[in-house]
Amino acid sequence: MTTTPVSVMTLDGEAAKAMRAAAAEIERDAASIASAMAAIHGGDWHVHIDHLAGLVMVVRH
């Protein structure tokens, strides 16, 4: 079964608020991981998040 991704921009009310909060949490967590990787391994680390692909990537730049 395939589902169509729902954009936060098409929602209103509590569902949109919850989705925005979850997206912000993902961004914060990924940034925290990038910071920890820099502390451990050095270098400049970047975060790439693709919600449609279901991908969170933290890579050394």
N, C-alpha and C. Protein backbone atom coordinates (compact mmCIF):
# COMPACT_ATOMS: atom_id res chain seq x y z
N MET A 1 0.84 -1.18 0.00
CA MET A 1 0.00 0.00 0.00
C MET A 1 0.89 1.24 0.00
N THR A 2 0.58 2.19 -0.84
CA THR A 2 1.33 3.43 -0.92
C THR A 2 0.49 4.56 -0.37
N THR A 3 1.12 5.41 0.42
CA THR A 3 0.42 6.57 0.95
C THR A 3 1.01 7.83 0.36
N THR A 4 0.20 8.83 0.22
CA THR A 4 0.66 10.12 -0.28
C THR A 4 1.16 10.94 0.89
N PRO A 5 2.40 11.47 0.79
CA PRO A 5 2.90 12.30 1.88
C PRO A 5 2.01 13.51 2.11
N VAL A 6 1.83 13.86 3.36
CA VAL A 6 1.01 15.01 3.71
C VAL A 6 1.92 16.16 4.08
N SER A 7 1.73 17.29 3.44
CA SER A 7 2.51 18.48 3.77
C SER A 7 1.90 19.16 4.98
N VAL A 8 2.75 19.64 5.86
CA VAL A 8 2.26 20.39 7.03
C VAL A 8 1.50 21.61 6.56
N MET A 9 1.84 22.14 5.41
CA MET A 9 1.19 23.34 4.90
C MET A 9 -0.28 23.09 4.56
N THR A 10 -0.68 21.84 4.34
CA THR A 10 -2.07 21.55 3.99
C THR A 10 -2.93 21.23 5.21
N LEU A 11 -2.32 21.16 6.36
CA LEU A 11 -3.05 20.82 7.58
C LEU A 11 -3.28 22.07 8.42
N ASP A 12 -4.27 21.98 9.29
CA ASP A 12 -4.47 23.06 10.24
C ASP A 12 -4.70 22.46 11.62
N GLY A 13 -4.66 23.29 12.61
CA GLY A 13 -4.99 22.85 13.96
C GLY A 13 -3.92 22.00 14.61
N GLU A 14 -4.37 21.09 15.46
CA GLU A 14 -3.47 20.30 16.29
C GLU A 14 -2.59 19.36 15.49
N ALA A 15 -3.09 18.79 14.40
CA ALA A 15 -2.27 17.87 13.60
C ALA A 15 -1.06 18.59 13.03
N ALA A 16 -1.26 19.78 12.49
CA ALA A 16 -0.15 20.55 11.92
C ALA A 16 0.82 20.96 13.01
N LYS A 17 0.30 21.34 14.16
CA LYS A 17 1.16 21.74 15.28
C LYS A 17 2.03 20.57 15.72
N ALA A 18 1.44 19.39 15.82
CA ALA A 18 2.19 18.20 16.23
C ALA A 18 3.25 17.82 15.20
N MET A 19 2.91 17.94 13.92
CA MET A 19 3.88 17.62 12.87
C MET A 19 5.04 18.61 12.86
N ARG A 20 4.74 19.90 13.06
CA ARG A 20 5.82 20.90 13.11
C ARG A 20 6.72 20.65 14.31
N ALA A 21 6.14 20.29 15.44
CA ALA A 21 6.93 20.00 16.64
C ALA A 21 7.82 18.77 16.42
N ALA A 22 7.28 17.75 15.78
CA ALA A 22 8.07 16.54 15.50
C ALA A 22 9.21 16.85 14.53
N ALA A 23 8.94 17.65 13.51
CA ALA A 23 9.98 18.02 12.55
C ALA A 23 11.08 18.82 13.24
N ALA A 24 10.70 19.72 14.13
CA ALA A 24 11.69 20.51 14.87
C ALA A 24 12.53 19.61 15.77
N GLU A 25 11.91 18.60 16.38
CA GLU A 25 12.64 17.66 17.23
C GLU A 25 13.65 16.87 16.41
N ILE A 26 13.27 16.43 15.22
CA ILE A 26 14.19 15.72 14.33
C ILE A 26 15.38 16.61 13.99
N GLU A 27 15.12 17.86 13.66
CA GLU A 27 16.21 18.79 13.32
C GLU A 27 17.14 19.01 14.51
N ARG A 28 16.58 19.19 15.71
CA ARG A 28 17.40 19.37 16.91
C ARG A 28 18.25 18.14 17.20
N ASP A 29 17.63 16.96 17.11
CA ASP A 29 18.37 15.73 17.39
C ASP A 29 19.49 15.51 16.39
N ALA A 30 19.22 15.75 15.11
CA ALA A 30 20.25 15.59 14.09
C ALA A 30 21.39 16.58 14.30
N ALA A 31 21.06 17.82 14.66
CA ALA A 31 22.09 18.82 14.94
C ALA A 31 22.93 18.41 16.14
N SER A 32 22.30 17.82 17.14
CA SER A 32 23.02 17.34 18.32
C SER A 32 23.98 16.22 17.94
N ILE A 33 23.55 15.31 17.09
CA ILE A 33 24.42 14.22 16.63
C ILE A 33 25.59 14.80 15.84
N ALA A 34 25.33 15.76 14.96
CA ALA A 34 26.41 16.39 14.19
C ALA A 34 27.42 17.05 15.12
N SER A 35 26.95 17.70 16.15
CA SER A 35 27.83 18.34 17.12
C SER A 35 28.67 17.31 17.87
N ALA A 36 28.06 16.21 18.27
CA ALA A 36 28.78 15.15 18.96
C ALA A 36 29.83 14.52 18.05
N MET A 37 29.49 14.30 16.79
CA MET A 37 30.45 13.74 15.84
C MET A 37 31.64 14.67 15.67
N ALA A 38 31.40 15.97 15.62
CA ALA A 38 32.49 16.94 15.50
C ALA A 38 33.37 16.90 16.74
N ALA A 39 32.77 16.76 17.90
CA ALA A 39 33.54 16.70 19.14
C ALA A 39 34.41 15.44 19.20
N ILE A 40 33.88 14.34 18.72
CA ILE A 40 34.60 13.07 18.76
C ILE A 40 35.64 12.97 17.65
N HIS A 41 35.24 13.31 16.42
CA HIS A 41 36.06 13.06 15.24
C HIS A 41 36.68 14.30 14.63
N GLY A 42 36.26 15.48 15.10
CA GLY A 42 36.73 16.72 14.49
C GLY A 42 36.06 16.94 13.14
N GLY A 43 36.34 18.06 12.56
CA GLY A 43 35.80 18.35 11.24
C GLY A 43 34.46 19.07 11.31
N ASP A 44 33.95 19.34 10.15
CA ASP A 44 32.69 20.07 9.98
C ASP A 44 31.63 19.09 9.52
N TRP A 45 30.58 18.91 10.30
CA TRP A 45 29.54 17.92 10.02
C TRP A 45 28.26 18.63 9.61
N HIS A 46 27.58 18.06 8.61
CA HIS A 46 26.35 18.64 8.08
C HIS A 46 25.21 17.64 8.20
N VAL A 47 24.02 18.18 8.30
CA VAL A 47 22.80 17.37 8.40
C VAL A 47 21.99 17.52 7.12
N HIS A 48 21.50 16.40 6.60
CA HIS A 48 20.57 16.42 5.48
C HIS A 48 19.35 15.62 5.90
N ILE A 49 18.17 16.25 5.82
CA ILE A 49 16.92 15.58 6.19
C ILE A 49 16.00 15.60 4.98
N ASP A 50 15.53 14.42 4.59
CA ASP A 50 14.58 14.29 3.48
C ASP A 50 13.37 13.52 4.01
N HIS A 51 12.32 14.25 4.33
CA HIS A 51 11.13 13.62 4.92
C HIS A 51 10.42 12.71 3.94
N LEU A 52 10.44 13.04 2.66
CA LEU A 52 9.76 12.19 1.67
C LEU A 52 10.46 10.85 1.51
N ALA A 53 11.80 10.86 1.58
CA ALA A 53 12.56 9.61 1.45
C ALA A 53 12.70 8.89 2.79
N GLY A 54 12.35 9.57 3.88
CA GLY A 54 12.52 8.97 5.20
C GLY A 54 13.99 8.85 5.58
N LEU A 55 14.75 9.90 5.28
CA LEU A 55 16.20 9.87 5.44
C LEU A 55 16.69 11.01 6.32
N VAL A 56 17.54 10.66 7.29
CA VAL A 56 18.29 11.65 8.06
C VAL A 56 19.75 11.24 7.94
N MET A 57 20.56 12.16 7.42
CA MET A 57 21.96 11.86 7.17
C MET A 57 22.84 12.91 7.84
N VAL A 58 23.87 12.45 8.55
CA VAL A 58 24.85 13.33 9.16
C VAL A 58 26.20 12.96 8.55
N VAL A 59 26.80 13.90 7.83
CA VAL A 59 28.04 13.60 7.11
C VAL A 59 29.10 14.65 7.38
N ARG A 60 30.35 14.21 7.31
CA ARG A 60 31.46 15.14 7.43
C ARG A 60 31.60 15.87 6.10
N HIS A 61 31.75 17.15 6.19
CA HIS A 61 31.85 17.98 4.98
C HIS A 61 33.28 18.31 4.71
